[in-house]
Amino acid sequence: MNINSSIKHYSTTQSVTNKTNPQENKPIEQGQNITSAATPHREREFDFTNMTLKEQAGAAQTLYDKGFLSLGELAVMTGKYGLVKYDGQFGDMTLERANNEKFDVLAKMKEDLEESKKHYPAESNVIKNQVALIGKLEAYQYGINTKA
């Protein structure tokens, strides 16, 4: 598939920040190659590279409510915090740590995926689901499809 055929065109006006003079913005011209323009990342409500387990659960619920995550993906992303909150501790994770210790959710999910690959065949639903969820969160985080 041609990558250009998958790009959606929007009628909203966009601007590019001038690196030498950040106060000066100029509109993107029709037909201009967007990759050549230094476009700032769009603001995101959540940063999956720096959040607590509690924040992860809240972000997952919000993204589920908005239709971005499936019910199964919501369960994966909220399950551990639910257990910690209910029991006060799950393994080495205490409620105190879950509420206050920030970590990189995407990096942790990728580590978990590598561990899963040792126990499940590449075509298993476990692996496919983990890869799909990581892809969704990367697309949300970085605004691109990193698996294309």
Protein backbone atom coordinates (compact mmCIF):
# COMPACT_ATOMS: atom_id res chain seq x y z
CA MET A 1 0.00 0.00 0.00
CA ASN A 2 1.25 3.45 -0.87
CA ILE A 3 1.77 5.46 2.31
CA ASN A 4 0.38 8.60 0.65
CA SER A 5 -2.93 6.85 0.03
CA SER A 6 -3.41 6.35 3.78
CA ILE A 7 -2.87 10.01 4.75
CA LYS A 8 -6.05 11.90 5.54
CA HIS A 9 -6.32 15.52 4.44
CA TYR A 10 -7.97 18.03 6.74
CA SER A 11 -9.39 21.39 5.87
CA THR A 12 -8.16 23.06 9.06
CA THR A 13 -5.33 25.57 8.83
CA GLN A 14 -2.03 24.38 10.28
CA SER A 15 1.04 26.43 11.02
CA VAL A 16 4.71 25.67 11.42
CA THR A 17 6.82 27.26 14.11
CA ASN A 18 9.85 29.04 12.72
CA LYS A 19 12.87 27.62 14.58
CA THR A 20 14.86 30.85 14.32
CA ASN A 21 11.96 32.98 15.50
CA PRO A 22 9.40 30.87 17.43
CA GLN A 23 6.99 33.82 17.60
CA GLU A 24 6.64 33.75 13.82
CA ASN A 25 4.29 31.08 12.48
CA LYS A 26 3.62 30.52 8.83
CA PRO A 27 0.85 28.45 7.28
CA ILE A 28 1.61 25.15 5.58
CA GLU A 29 1.09 25.64 1.86
CA GLN A 30 -1.19 23.29 -0.05
CA GLY A 31 0.89 20.47 -1.49
CA GLN A 32 3.83 21.17 0.85
CA ASN A 33 5.59 18.05 2.05
CA ILE A 34 4.62 17.86 5.74
CA THR A 35 7.73 15.84 6.59
CA SER A 36 9.85 18.79 5.51
CA ALA A 37 8.03 21.08 7.93
CA ALA A 38 9.02 20.93 11.59
CA THR A 39 5.52 20.41 12.98
CA PRO A 40 5.17 20.33 16.75
CA HIS A 41 3.60 17.25 18.34
CA ARG A 42 -0.08 17.65 19.09
CA GLU A 43 -0.89 17.97 22.76
CA ARG A 44 -1.93 14.72 24.37
CA GLU A 45 -3.91 14.27 27.52
CA PHE A 46 -1.65 11.43 28.73
CA ASP A 47 2.07 10.70 28.60
CA PHE A 48 2.55 6.93 28.51
CA THR A 49 6.30 7.37 28.94
CA ASN A 50 5.98 8.88 32.42
CA MET A 51 3.02 7.95 34.62
CA THR A 52 2.07 6.08 37.75
CA LEU A 53 0.13 2.82 37.75
CA LYS A 54 -2.86 4.78 39.06
CA GLU A 55 -2.53 7.29 36.21
CA GLN A 56 -2.25 4.40 33.73
CA ALA A 57 -5.53 2.95 34.97
CA GLY A 58 -7.24 6.35 34.75
CA ALA A 59 -5.86 7.01 31.27
CA ALA A 60 -7.00 3.58 30.10
CA GLN A 61 -10.53 4.20 31.42
CA THR A 62 -10.67 7.58 29.66
CA LEU A 63 -9.40 6.12 26.37
CA TYR A 64 -11.89 3.25 26.66
CA ASP A 65 -14.73 5.74 27.28
CA LYS A 66 -13.64 7.62 24.14
CA GLY A 67 -13.67 4.38 22.09
CA PHE A 68 -9.88 4.25 21.59
CA LEU A 69 -9.36 1.04 23.62
CA SER A 70 -11.36 -2.18 23.64
CA LEU A 71 -12.78 -3.69 26.82
CA GLY A 72 -10.01 -6.30 26.80
CA GLU A 73 -7.33 -3.61 26.44
CA LEU A 74 -8.94 -1.69 29.30
CA ALA A 75 -8.76 -4.81 31.47
CA VAL A 76 -5.07 -5.34 30.65
CA MET A 77 -4.21 -1.74 31.50
CA THR A 78 -6.26 -1.46 34.71
CA GLY A 79 -6.03 -4.97 36.16
CA LYS A 80 -2.84 -4.64 38.19
CA TYR A 81 -3.86 -1.32 39.73
CA GLY A 82 -7.27 -2.78 40.60
CA LEU A 83 -5.59 -5.65 42.45
CA VAL A 84 -3.19 -3.31 44.27
CA LYS A 85 -6.01 -0.95 45.22
CA TYR A 86 -8.18 -3.83 46.47
CA ASP A 87 -5.50 -5.66 48.48
CA GLY A 88 -3.12 -2.80 49.24
CA GLN A 89 -0.30 -4.73 47.57
CA PHE A 90 0.27 -7.05 44.61
CA GLY A 91 3.64 -8.76 44.51
CA ASP A 92 6.20 -6.06 45.17
CA MET A 93 3.81 -3.27 44.13
CA THR A 94 2.32 -1.41 47.08
CA LEU A 95 -0.53 1.06 46.88
CA GLU A 96 1.93 3.83 47.83
CA ARG A 97 4.18 2.96 44.88
CA ALA A 98 1.22 2.50 42.51
CA ASN A 99 -0.04 5.98 43.35
CA ASN A 100 3.31 7.81 43.28
CA GLU A 101 6.08 5.99 41.37
CA LYS A 102 6.24 7.00 37.71
CA PHE A 103 7.48 4.66 35.00
CA ASP A 104 7.52 4.29 31.21
CA VAL A 105 4.40 2.27 30.38
CA LEU A 106 5.44 1.70 26.76
CA ALA A 107 8.91 0.44 27.72
CA LYS A 108 7.39 -1.88 30.35
CA MET A 109 4.86 -3.24 27.86
CA LYS A 110 7.67 -3.95 25.39
CA GLU A 111 9.65 -5.77 28.10
CA ASP A 112 6.54 -7.82 28.93
CA LEU A 113 6.09 -8.61 25.23
CA GLU A 114 9.66 -9.94 24.98
CA GLU A 115 9.02 -12.14 28.02
CA SER A 116 5.74 -13.38 26.51
CA LYS A 117 7.53 -14.31 23.28
CA LYS A 118 9.60 -16.80 25.30
CA HIS A 119 6.43 -18.63 26.34
CA TYR A 120 3.98 -18.22 23.44
CA PRO A 121 4.24 -18.78 19.67
CA ALA A 122 4.52 -15.61 17.58
CA GLU A 123 1.08 -16.17 16.04
CA SER A 124 -0.70 -16.63 19.39
CA ASN A 125 -3.47 -14.26 20.40
CA VAL A 126 -1.46 -13.28 23.49
CA ILE A 127 1.37 -11.93 21.33
CA LYS A 128 -0.94 -10.41 18.72
CA ASN A 129 -2.95 -8.61 21.40
CA GLN A 130 0.15 -7.24 23.13
CA VAL A 131 1.59 -6.01 19.82
CA ALA A 132 -1.75 -4.39 18.89
CA LEU A 133 -2.06 -2.59 22.24
CA ILE A 134 1.53 -1.33 22.10
CA GLY A 135 0.87 -0.10 18.55
CA LYS A 136 -2.24 1.78 19.64
CA LEU A 137 -0.48 3.45 22.54
CA GLU A 138 2.51 4.39 20.39
CA ALA A 139 0.16 5.89 17.81
CA TYR A 140 -1.52 7.85 20.60
CA GLN A 141 1.79 8.89 22.19
CA TYR A 142 3.75 9.80 19.09
CA GLY A 143 0.97 10.46 16.59
CA ILE A 144 2.33 7.89 14.13
CA ASN A 145 1.93 4.24 13.31
CA THR A 146 5.31 2.85 14.33
CA LYS A 147 4.48 -0.58 12.92
CA ALA A 148 3.86 0.57 9.32
